Amino acid sequence: MTIIKAIILGVIQGLTEFLPVSSSGHLAVAQQLLKVPEDRILFFTVMLHLGTLFSIFVVYSKDIAMIIVEFLRLLGELITGKGLKLNNEHRKLGVFIIIASIPTGLMGIFLDDLFASFYTSTIVIGIALMITGTLLWIAEKSNSGKRTIKDMHGLDALIVGIFQGFAITPGISRSGSTIVGSLFRGFNKELATKFSFLISIPAILGATIFEVKDVLEVGMGDITIGILVAGVLAAFISGLFAIRTLINFIKKEKLYYFSFYTWIVGAVVILTSIF
């Protein structure tokens, strides 16, 4: 692993984690093109995910702070017997983030071997990218929903969480699938975008914790501190850019632009795998 390769992988991770084009699929392909062995990239990949996580905290710092405050207040009320009162936006978001994380976590635990097997099949990755593009196209071209957080229910969060779980498949975009799931449930685009990014926090943290055991067994390989810092910074900076870019695309109703990209990349991946 070199610093140049670390920066390239960091930029790819940061951009594709939040743009609806699938970070896992792109990283899997990039790893093969850069000829980085699997046993040398596991620890590095985990750290790149943490780099992108920091970018979410920067963009949504106020919302995250309020969600934490309201969730602690909610716990206090439950302990003192005042009951479950979801009487404000951030309190509801905190509870719904937890609900959405349940199916994602269960799918990640019980279907881990199945999803892991997909990483070695570029044909599967290509097909998944084509599916991502199709879902984005359908969601963008359908009528925009008007539901806000006030109209949101636990079932909505559960369904969006299932969409997020399917994104463990390399080639299926996590941000794309959760935004699509939210739009299918009739959310307005502001809520769909915010909820997608916020539920990625426990998803990324959970995936990181889940991989710690393997990381400890494999070790850092030839990853030096300099290489690690370069990659994480690249993931963080490109992650910030990707979040703000996606928000602008959604506001301008241009989400379907990414459909063309995923269709083209998916087709290229499939064709190169066959021939």
C-alpha atoms as a PDB file:
ATOM      1  CA  MET A   1       0.000   0.000   0.000  1.00  0.00           C
ATOM      2  CA  THR A   2       1.332   3.433  -0.964  1.00  0.00           C
ATOM      3  CA  ILE A   3       0.133   6.928  -0.024  1.00  0.00           C
ATOM      4  CA  ILE A   4      -1.144   7.484  -3.575  1.00  0.00           C
ATOM      5  CA  LYS A   5      -3.198   4.296  -3.426  1.00  0.00           C
ATOM      6  CA  ALA A   6      -4.437   5.274   0.035  1.00  0.00           C
ATOM      7  CA  ILE A   7      -5.633   8.676  -1.204  1.00  0.00           C
ATOM      8  CA  ILE A   8      -7.304   7.118  -4.260  1.00  0.00           C
ATOM      9  CA  LEU A   9      -9.159   4.594  -2.093  1.00  0.00           C
ATOM     10  CA  GLY A  10     -10.051   7.323   0.420  1.00  0.00           C
ATOM     11  CA  VAL A  11     -11.523   9.572  -2.263  1.00  0.00           C
ATOM     12  CA  ILE A  12     -13.475   6.653  -3.743  1.00  0.00           C
ATOM     13  CA  GLN A  13     -14.824   5.716  -0.319  1.00  0.00           C
ATOM     14  CA  GLY A  14     -15.795   9.290   0.584  1.00  0.00           C
ATOM     15  CA  LEU A  15     -17.536  10.008  -2.712  1.00  0.00           C
ATOM     16  CA  THR A  16     -19.301   6.690  -3.157  1.00  0.00           C
ATOM     17  CA  GLU A  17     -20.377   6.255   0.475  1.00  0.00           C
ATOM     18  CA  PHE A  18     -22.847   9.116   0.120  1.00  0.00           C
ATOM     19  CA  LEU A  19     -23.389   9.527  -3.604  1.00  0.00           C
ATOM     20  CA  PRO A  20     -25.918   6.841  -4.639  1.00  0.00           C
ATOM     21  CA  VAL A  21     -23.446   4.714  -6.602  1.00  0.00           C
ATOM     22  CA  SER A  22     -22.329   2.077  -4.021  1.00  0.00           C
ATOM     23  CA  SER A  23     -19.094   2.439  -2.058  1.00  0.00           C
ATOM     24  CA  SER A  24     -18.663  -1.309  -1.503  1.00  0.00           C
ATOM     25  CA  GLY A  25     -18.902  -2.052  -5.206  1.00  0.00           C
ATOM     26  CA  HIS A  26     -16.463   0.688  -6.179  1.00  0.00           C
ATOM     27  CA  LEU A  27     -13.977  -0.235  -3.445  1.00  0.00           C
ATOM     28  CA  ALA A  28     -14.107  -3.898  -4.437  1.00  0.00           C
ATOM     29  CA  VAL A  29     -13.377  -3.037  -8.071  1.00  0.00           C
ATOM     30  CA  ALA A  30     -10.741  -0.404  -7.163  1.00  0.00           C
ATOM     31  CA  GLN A  31      -8.995  -2.858  -4.864  1.00  0.00           C
ATOM     32  CA  GLN A  32      -8.670  -5.321  -7.721  1.00  0.00           C
ATOM     33  CA  LEU A  33      -7.465  -2.671 -10.182  1.00  0.00           C
ATOM     34  CA  LEU A  34      -4.880  -1.324  -7.715  1.00  0.00           C
ATOM     35  CA  LYS A  35      -3.872  -4.890  -6.833  1.00  0.00           C
ATOM     36  CA  VAL A  36      -4.193  -4.356  -3.104  1.00  0.00           C
ATOM     37  CA  PRO A  37      -4.395  -7.743  -1.321  1.00  0.00           C
ATOM     38  CA  GLU A  38      -7.461  -8.369   0.849  1.00  0.00           C
ATOM     39  CA  ASP A  39      -5.366  -9.087   3.941  1.00  0.00           C
ATOM     40  CA  ARG A  40      -3.785  -5.628   3.690  1.00  0.00           C
ATOM     41  CA  ILE A  41      -6.914  -3.580   3.180  1.00  0.00           C
ATOM     42  CA  LEU A  42      -9.323  -4.766   5.897  1.00  0.00           C
ATOM     43  CA  PHE A  43      -8.018  -2.470   8.649  1.00  0.00           C
ATOM     44  CA  PHE A  44      -7.602   0.370   6.175  1.00  0.00           C
ATOM     45  CA  THR A  45     -11.186   0.007   4.901  1.00  0.00           C
ATOM     46  CA  VAL A  46     -12.548   0.144   8.447  1.00  0.00           C
ATOM     47  CA  MET A  47     -10.676   3.383   9.081  1.00  0.00           C
ATOM     48  CA  LEU A  48     -11.933   4.870   5.800  1.00  0.00           C
ATOM     49  CA  HIS A  49     -15.493   4.238   6.953  1.00  0.00           C
ATOM     50  CA  LEU A  50     -14.759   6.169  10.148  1.00  0.00           C
ATOM     51  CA  GLY A  51     -13.400   9.018   8.008  1.00  0.00           C
ATOM     52  CA  THR A  52     -16.684   9.270   6.129  1.00  0.00           C
ATOM     53  CA  LEU A  53     -18.563   9.052   9.419  1.00  0.00           C
ATOM     54  CA  PHE A  54     -16.837  12.219  10.627  1.00  0.00           C
ATOM     55  CA  SER A  55     -18.157  14.083   7.583  1.00  0.00           C
ATOM     56  CA  ILE A  56     -21.755  13.269   8.590  1.00  0.00           C
ATOM     57  CA  PHE A  57     -21.122  14.657  12.072  1.00  0.00           C
ATOM     58  CA  VAL A  58     -19.843  17.895  10.537  1.00  0.00           C
ATOM     59  CA  VAL A  59     -22.767  18.410   8.137  1.00  0.00           C
ATOM     60  CA  TYR A  60     -25.507  17.341  10.573  1.00  0.00           C
ATOM     61  CA  SER A  61     -23.837  18.393  13.836  1.00  0.00           C
ATOM     62  CA  LYS A  62     -26.820  20.415  15.105  1.00  0.00           C
ATOM     63  CA  ASP A  63     -29.350  17.678  14.360  1.00  0.00           C
ATOM     64  CA  ILE A  64     -27.133  15.004  15.921  1.00  0.00           C
ATOM     65  CA  ALA A  65     -26.592  17.080  19.064  1.00  0.00           C
ATOM     66  CA  MET A  66     -30.337  17.679  19.469  1.00  0.00           C
ATOM     67  CA  ILE A  67     -31.142  14.009  18.828  1.00  0.00           C
ATOM     68  CA  ILE A  68     -28.727  12.972  21.591  1.00  0.00           C
ATOM     69  CA  VAL A  69     -30.152  15.549  24.023  1.00  0.00           C
ATOM     70  CA  GLU A  70     -33.763  14.590  23.330  1.00  0.00           C
ATOM     71  CA  PHE A  71     -33.014  10.880  23.488  1.00  0.00           C
ATOM     72  CA  LEU A  72     -31.423  11.295  26.927  1.00  0.00           C
ATOM     73  CA  ARG A  73     -34.455  13.287  28.051  1.00  0.00           C
ATOM     74  CA  LEU A  74     -36.700  10.531  26.717  1.00  0.00           C
ATOM     75  CA  LEU A  75     -34.768   7.905  28.667  1.00  0.00           C
ATOM     76  CA  GLY A  76     -35.075  10.031  31.782  1.00  0.00           C
ATOM     77  CA  GLU A  77     -38.844  10.261  31.334  1.00  0.00           C
ATOM     78  CA  LEU A  78     -39.117   6.499  30.822  1.00  0.00           C
ATOM     79  CA  ILE A  79     -37.091   5.811  33.970  1.00  0.00           C
ATOM     80  CA  THR A  80     -39.260   8.168  36.030  1.00  0.00           C
ATOM     81  CA  GLY A  81     -42.447   6.577  34.691  1.00  0.00           C
ATOM     82  CA  LYS A  82     -43.630   9.458  32.521  1.00  0.00           C
ATOM     83  CA  GLY A  83     -44.056   7.212  29.490  1.00  0.00           C
ATOM     84  CA  LEU A  84     -42.891   7.347  25.873  1.00  0.00           C
ATOM     85  CA  LYS A  85     -43.604  10.836  24.551  1.00  0.00           C
ATOM     86  CA  LEU A  86     -42.436  11.516  21.003  1.00  0.00           C
ATOM     87  CA  ASN A  87     -43.475  15.144  21.081  1.00  0.00           C
ATOM     88  CA  ASN A  88     -40.766  16.769  18.942  1.00  0.00           C
ATOM     89  CA  GLU A  89     -38.881  16.179  15.708  1.00  0.00           C
ATOM     90  CA  HIS A  90     -35.499  15.227  17.115  1.00  0.00           C
ATOM     91  CA  ARG A  91     -36.965  12.871  19.695  1.00  0.00           C
ATOM     92  CA  LYS A  92     -38.870  11.039  16.960  1.00  0.00           C
ATOM     93  CA  LEU A  93     -35.796  10.927  14.743  1.00  0.00           C
ATOM     94  CA  GLY A  94     -33.753   9.338  17.543  1.00  0.00           C
ATOM     95  CA  VAL A  95     -36.298   6.551  18.074  1.00  0.00           C
ATOM     96  CA  PHE A  96     -36.813   5.968  14.356  1.00  0.00           C
ATOM     97  CA  ILE A  97     -33.046   5.751  13.751  1.00  0.00           C
ATOM     98  CA  ILE A  98     -32.931   2.913  16.284  1.00  0.00           C
ATOM     99  CA  ILE A  99     -35.899   1.160  14.664  1.00  0.00           C
ATOM    100  CA  ALA A 100     -34.360   1.467  11.192  1.00  0.00           C
ATOM    101  CA  SER A 101     -31.078   0.041  12.467  1.00  0.00           C
ATOM    102  CA  ILE A 102     -32.677  -3.196  13.723  1.00  0.00           C
ATOM    103  CA  PRO A 103     -33.377  -4.884  10.347  1.00  0.00           C
ATOM    104  CA  THR A 104     -30.062  -3.609   8.976  1.00  0.00           C
ATOM    105  CA  GLY A 105     -28.176  -5.128  11.895  1.00  0.00           C
ATOM    106  CA  LEU A 106     -30.041  -8.451  11.750  1.00  0.00           C
ATOM    107  CA  MET A 107     -29.455  -8.778   8.008  1.00  0.00           C
ATOM    108  CA  GLY A 108     -25.791  -7.949   8.462  1.00  0.00           C
ATOM    109  CA  ILE A 109     -25.371 -10.599  11.187  1.00  0.00           C
ATOM    110  CA  PHE A 110     -27.367 -13.487   9.742  1.00  0.00           C
ATOM    111  CA  LEU A 111     -26.675 -12.930   6.047  1.00  0.00           C
ATOM    112  CA  ASP A 112     -23.038 -11.910   6.387  1.00  0.00           C
ATOM    113  CA  ASP A 113     -21.633 -14.987   4.640  1.00  0.00           C
ATOM    114  CA  LEU A 114     -24.023 -14.560   1.712  1.00  0.00           C
ATOM    115  CA  PHE A 115     -23.198 -10.887   1.233  1.00  0.00           C
ATOM    116  CA  ALA A 116     -19.467 -11.549   1.676  1.00  0.00           C
ATOM    117  CA  SER A 117     -19.548 -14.097  -1.154  1.00  0.00           C
ATOM    118  CA  PHE A 118     -20.785 -11.389  -3.533  1.00  0.00           C
ATOM    119  CA  TYR A 119     -17.552  -9.400  -3.175  1.00  0.00           C
ATOM    120  CA  THR A 120     -15.638 -11.930  -5.247  1.00  0.00           C
ATOM    121  CA  SER A 121     -18.139 -11.820  -8.121  1.00  0.00           C
ATOM    122  CA  THR A 122     -17.809  -8.791 -10.370  1.00  0.00           C
ATOM    123  CA  ILE A 123     -20.866  -9.945 -12.312  1.00  0.00           C
ATOM    124  CA  VAL A 124     -22.982  -9.687  -9.144  1.00  0.00           C
ATOM    125  CA  ILE A 125     -21.532  -6.232  -8.470  1.00  0.00           C
ATOM    126  CA  GLY A 126     -22.350  -5.131 -12.027  1.00  0.00           C
ATOM    127  CA  ILE A 127     -25.935  -6.397 -11.800  1.00  0.00           C
ATOM    128  CA  ALA A 128     -26.366  -4.715  -8.422  1.00  0.00           C
ATOM    129  CA  LEU A 129     -25.168  -1.404  -9.889  1.00  0.00           C
ATOM    130  CA  MET A 130     -27.746  -1.741 -12.668  1.00  0.00           C
ATOM    131  CA  ILE A 131     -30.433  -2.363 -10.022  1.00  0.00           C
ATOM    132  CA  THR A 132     -29.305   0.720  -8.098  1.00  0.00           C
ATOM    133  CA  GLY A 133     -29.657   2.879 -11.219  1.00  0.00           C
ATOM    134  CA  THR A 134     -33.127   1.524 -11.933  1.00  0.00           C
ATOM    135  CA  LEU A 135     -34.341   2.182  -8.395  1.00  0.00           C
ATOM    136  CA  LEU A 136     -33.003   5.747  -8.516  1.00  0.00           C
ATOM    137  CA  TRP A 137     -34.751   6.365 -11.831  1.00  0.00           C
ATOM    138  CA  ILE A 138     -38.097   5.046 -10.594  1.00  0.00           C
ATOM    139  CA  ALA A 139     -37.911   6.989  -7.340  1.00  0.00           C
ATOM    140  CA  GLU A 140     -36.982  10.269  -9.025  1.00  0.00           C
ATOM    141  CA  LYS A 141     -39.605   9.976 -11.736  1.00  0.00           C
ATOM    142  CA  SER A 142     -42.397   9.080  -9.299  1.00  0.00           C
ATOM    143  CA  ASN A 143     -44.444  11.803  -7.652  1.00  0.00           C
ATOM    144  CA  SER A 144     -42.612  13.536  -4.837  1.00  0.00           C
ATOM    145  CA  GLY A 145     -43.994  12.751  -1.394  1.00  0.00           C
ATOM    146  CA  LYS A 146     -45.095  15.365   1.092  1.00  0.00           C
ATOM    147  CA  ARG A 147     -44.781  13.495   4.377  1.00  0.00           C
ATOM    148  CA  THR A 148     -42.668  15.160   7.048  1.00  0.00           C
ATOM    149  CA  ILE A 149     -41.277  13.831  10.311  1.00  0.00           C
ATOM    150  CA  LYS A 150     -44.654  14.611  11.925  1.00  0.00           C
ATOM    151  CA  ASP A 151     -46.306  12.067   9.619  1.00  0.00           C
ATOM    152  CA  MET A 152     -43.643   9.386  10.087  1.00  0.00           C
ATOM    153  CA  HIS A 153     -44.358   6.098  11.867  1.00  0.00           C
ATOM    154  CA  GLY A 154     -42.316   3.185  13.158  1.00  0.00           C
ATOM    155  CA  LEU A 155     -43.275   1.054  10.158  1.00  0.00           C
ATOM    156  CA  ASP A 156     -41.722   3.653   7.850  1.00  0.00           C
ATOM    157  CA  ALA A 157     -38.417   3.459   9.714  1.00  0.00           C
ATOM    158  CA  LEU A 158     -38.532  -0.348   9.677  1.00  0.00           C
ATOM    159  CA  ILE A 159     -39.038  -0.489   5.905  1.00  0.00           C
ATOM    160  CA  VAL A 160     -36.272   2.039   5.213  1.00  0.00           C
ATOM    161  CA  GLY A 161     -34.022  -0.026   7.484  1.00  0.00           C
ATOM    162  CA  ILE A 162     -34.728  -3.115   5.347  1.00  0.00           C
ATOM    163  CA  PHE A 163     -33.755  -1.127   2.251  1.00  0.00           C
ATOM    164  CA  GLN A 164     -30.522  -0.211   4.015  1.00  0.00           C
ATOM    165  CA  GLY A 165     -29.900  -3.864   4.852  1.00  0.00           C
ATOM    166  CA  PHE A 166     -30.022  -4.848   1.184  1.00  0.00           C
ATOM    167  CA  ALA A 167     -27.281  -2.288   0.546  1.00  0.00           C
ATOM    168  CA  ILE A 168     -24.796  -4.635   2.228  1.00  0.00           C
ATOM    169  CA  THR A 169     -24.698  -6.198  -1.233  1.00  0.00           C
ATOM    170  CA  PRO A 170     -21.714  -4.705  -3.115  1.00  0.00           C
ATOM    171  CA  GLY A 171     -23.106  -2.596  -5.918  1.00  0.00           C
ATOM    172  CA  ILE A 172     -26.290  -1.614  -4.082  1.00  0.00           C
ATOM    173  CA  SER A 173     -25.898   1.963  -2.851  1.00  0.00           C
ATOM    174  CA  ARG A 174     -26.666   2.481   0.833  1.00  0.00           C
ATOM    175  CA  SER A 175     -27.592   6.143   0.438  1.00  0.00           C
ATOM    176  CA  GLY A 176     -29.419   5.404  -2.799  1.00  0.00           C
ATOM    177  CA  SER A 177     -31.439   2.518  -1.377  1.00  0.00           C
ATOM    178  CA  THR A 178     -32.448   4.356   1.800  1.00  0.00           C
ATOM    179  CA  ILE A 179     -33.435   7.499  -0.093  1.00  0.00           C
ATOM    180  CA  VAL A 180     -35.399   5.374  -2.551  1.00  0.00           C
ATOM    181  CA  GLY A 181     -37.069   3.530   0.333  1.00  0.00           C
ATOM    182  CA  SER A 182     -37.963   6.837   1.978  1.00  0.00           C
ATOM    183  CA  LEU A 183     -39.377   8.275  -1.240  1.00  0.00           C
ATOM    184  CA  PHE A 184     -41.427   5.116  -1.784  1.00  0.00           C
ATOM    185  CA  ARG A 185     -42.918   5.709   1.676  1.00  0.00           C
ATOM    186  CA  GLY A 186     -43.967   9.197   0.607  1.00  0.00           C
ATOM    187  CA  PHE A 187     -41.368  11.243   2.507  1.00  0.00           C
ATOM    188  CA  ASN A 188     -40.559  14.668   1.163  1.00  0.00           C
ATOM    189  CA  LYS A 189     -37.054  14.872  -0.251  1.00  0.00           C
ATOM    190  CA  GLU A 190     -35.613  16.868   2.642  1.00  0.00           C
ATOM    191  CA  LEU A 191     -36.669  14.218   5.169  1.00  0.00           C
ATOM    192  CA  ALA A 192     -35.628  11.358   2.863  1.00  0.00           C
ATOM    193  CA  THR A 193     -32.130  12.833   2.553  1.00  0.00           C
ATOM    194  CA  LYS A 194     -31.681  13.672   6.232  1.00  0.00           C
ATOM    195  CA  PHE A 195     -32.985  10.322   7.443  1.00  0.00           C
ATOM    196  CA  SER A 196     -30.741   8.477   4.985  1.00  0.00           C
ATOM    197  CA  PHE A 197     -27.612  10.158   6.302  1.00  0.00           C
ATOM    198  CA  LEU A 198     -28.585   9.908   9.971  1.00  0.00           C
ATOM    199  CA  ILE A 199     -29.341   6.173   9.906  1.00  0.00           C
ATOM    200  CA  SER A 200     -25.968   5.610   8.272  1.00  0.00           C
ATOM    201  CA  ILE A 201     -24.295   6.530  11.587  1.00  0.00           C
ATOM    202  CA  PRO A 202     -25.246   3.351  13.505  1.00  0.00           C
ATOM    203  CA  ALA A 203     -24.870   1.334  10.283  1.00  0.00           C
ATOM    204  CA  ILE A 204     -21.273   2.475   9.767  1.00  0.00           C
ATOM    205  CA  LEU A 205     -20.431   2.151  13.480  1.00  0.00           C
ATOM    206  CA  GLY A 206     -22.023  -1.296  13.615  1.00  0.00           C
ATOM    207  CA  ALA A 207     -20.131  -2.489  10.547  1.00  0.00           C
ATOM    208  CA  THR A 208     -16.901  -1.144  12.033  1.00  0.00           C
ATOM    209  CA  ILE A 209     -17.421  -2.938  15.351  1.00  0.00           C
ATOM    210  CA  PHE A 210     -18.435  -6.102  13.504  1.00  0.00           C
ATOM    211  CA  GLU A 211     -15.123  -6.060  11.617  1.00  0.00           C
ATOM    212  CA  VAL A 212     -12.915  -5.365  14.655  1.00  0.00           C
ATOM    213  CA  LYS A 213     -12.398  -9.078  15.355  1.00  0.00           C
ATOM    214  CA  ASP A 214     -11.119  -9.703  11.830  1.00  0.00           C
ATOM    215  CA  VAL A 215      -8.986  -6.564  11.983  1.00  0.00           C
ATOM    216  CA  LEU A 216      -7.315  -7.751  15.198  1.00  0.00           C
ATOM    217  CA  GLU A 217      -6.561 -11.123  13.609  1.00  0.00           C
ATOM    218  CA  VAL A 218      -5.180  -9.686  10.368  1.00  0.00           C
ATOM    219  CA  GLY A 219      -3.446  -6.629  11.819  1.00  0.00           C
ATOM    220  CA  MET A 220      -2.399  -3.465  10.001  1.00  0.00           C
ATOM    221  CA  GLY A 221      -0.300  -5.229   7.381  1.00  0.00           C
ATOM    222  CA  ASP A 222       1.986  -2.693   5.703  1.00  0.00           C
ATOM    223  CA  ILE A 223      -0.251   0.276   6.601  1.00  0.00           C
ATOM    224  CA  THR A 224       1.835   3.036   8.187  1.00  0.00           C
ATOM    225  CA  ILE A 225       0.474   5.998  10.147  1.00  0.00           C
ATOM    226  CA  GLY A 226       1.175   8.319   7.216  1.00  0.00           C
ATOM    227  CA  ILE A 227      -0.716   6.116   4.780  1.00  0.00           C
ATOM    228  CA  LEU A 228      -3.598   5.781   7.229  1.00  0.00           C
ATOM    229  CA  VAL A 229      -3.891   9.537   7.846  1.00  0.00           C
ATOM    230  CA  ALA A 230      -3.765  10.281   4.110  1.00  0.00           C
ATOM    231  CA  GLY A 231      -6.560   7.825   3.373  1.00  0.00           C
ATOM    232  CA  VAL A 232      -8.803   8.901   6.244  1.00  0.00           C
ATOM    233  CA  LEU A 233      -8.401  12.608   5.423  1.00  0.00           C
ATOM    234  CA  ALA A 234      -9.184  11.907   1.765  1.00  0.00           C
ATOM    235  CA  ALA A 235     -12.322   9.987   2.797  1.00  0.00           C
ATOM    236  CA  PHE A 236     -13.389  12.769   5.177  1.00  0.00           C
ATOM    237  CA  ILE A 237     -12.929  15.647   2.707  1.00  0.00           C
ATOM    238  CA  SER A 238     -14.488  13.813  -0.236  1.00  0.00           C
ATOM    239  CA  GLY A 239     -17.305  12.694   2.061  1.00  0.00           C
ATOM    240  CA  LEU A 240     -18.146  16.309   2.884  1.00  0.00           C
ATOM    241  CA  PHE A 241     -18.196  17.137  -0.811  1.00  0.00           C
ATOM    242  CA  ALA A 242     -20.375  14.112  -1.605  1.00  0.00           C
ATOM    243  CA  ILE A 243     -22.991  14.901   1.061  1.00  0.00           C
ATOM    244  CA  ARG A 244     -23.425  18.500  -0.053  1.00  0.00           C
ATOM    245  CA  THR A 245     -23.453  17.457  -3.717  1.00  0.00           C
ATOM    246  CA  LEU A 246     -26.175  14.870  -3.163  1.00  0.00           C
ATOM    247  CA  ILE A 247     -28.297  17.327  -1.186  1.00  0.00           C
ATOM    248  CA  ASN A 248     -28.111  19.795  -4.085  1.00  0.00           C
ATOM    249  CA  PHE A 249     -28.950  17.134  -6.660  1.00  0.00           C
ATOM    250  CA  ILE A 250     -32.003  16.047  -4.683  1.00  0.00           C
ATOM    251  CA  LYS A 251     -33.201  19.619  -4.221  1.00  0.00           C
ATOM    252  CA  LYS A 252     -32.923  20.186  -7.976  1.00  0.00           C
ATOM    253  CA  GLU A 253     -34.673  16.841  -8.691  1.00  0.00           C
ATOM    254  CA  LYS A 254     -31.617  15.522 -10.514  1.00  0.00           C
ATOM    255  CA  LEU A 255     -31.191  12.297  -8.552  1.00  0.00           C
ATOM    256  CA  TYR A 256     -31.794  10.255 -11.687  1.00  0.00           C
ATOM    257  CA  TYR A 257     -28.512  11.581 -13.155  1.00  0.00           C
ATOM    258  CA  PHE A 258     -26.766   8.950 -11.059  1.00  0.00           C
ATOM    259  CA  SER A 259     -28.840   6.284 -12.809  1.00  0.00           C
ATOM    260  CA  PHE A 260     -26.885   6.839 -16.022  1.00  0.00           C
ATOM    261  CA  TYR A 261     -23.600   6.500 -14.170  1.00  0.00           C
ATOM    262  CA  THR A 262     -24.516   3.265 -12.356  1.00  0.00           C
ATOM    263  CA  TRP A 263     -25.983   1.765 -15.540  1.00  0.00           C
ATOM    264  CA  ILE A 264     -22.810   2.517 -17.501  1.00  0.00           C
ATOM    265  CA  VAL A 265     -20.437   1.321 -14.775  1.00  0.00           C
ATOM    266  CA  GLY A 266     -22.580  -1.753 -14.140  1.00  0.00           C
ATOM    267  CA  ALA A 267     -22.597  -2.644 -17.832  1.00  0.00           C
ATOM    268  CA  VAL A 268     -18.829  -2.170 -18.106  1.00  0.00           C
ATOM    269  CA  VAL A 269     -18.224  -4.349 -15.046  1.00  0.00           C
ATOM    270  CA  ILE A 270     -20.459  -7.113 -16.411  1.00  0.00           C
ATOM    271  CA  LEU A 271     -18.913  -7.018 -19.893  1.00  0.00           C
ATOM    272  CA  THR A 272     -15.347  -7.053 -18.594  1.00  0.00           C
ATOM    273  CA  SER A 273     -16.225  -9.994 -16.349  1.00  0.00           C
ATOM    274  CA  ILE A 274     -17.644 -11.958 -19.283  1.00  0.00           C
ATOM    275  CA  PHE A 275     -14.978 -11.101 -21.811  1.00  0.00           C
END
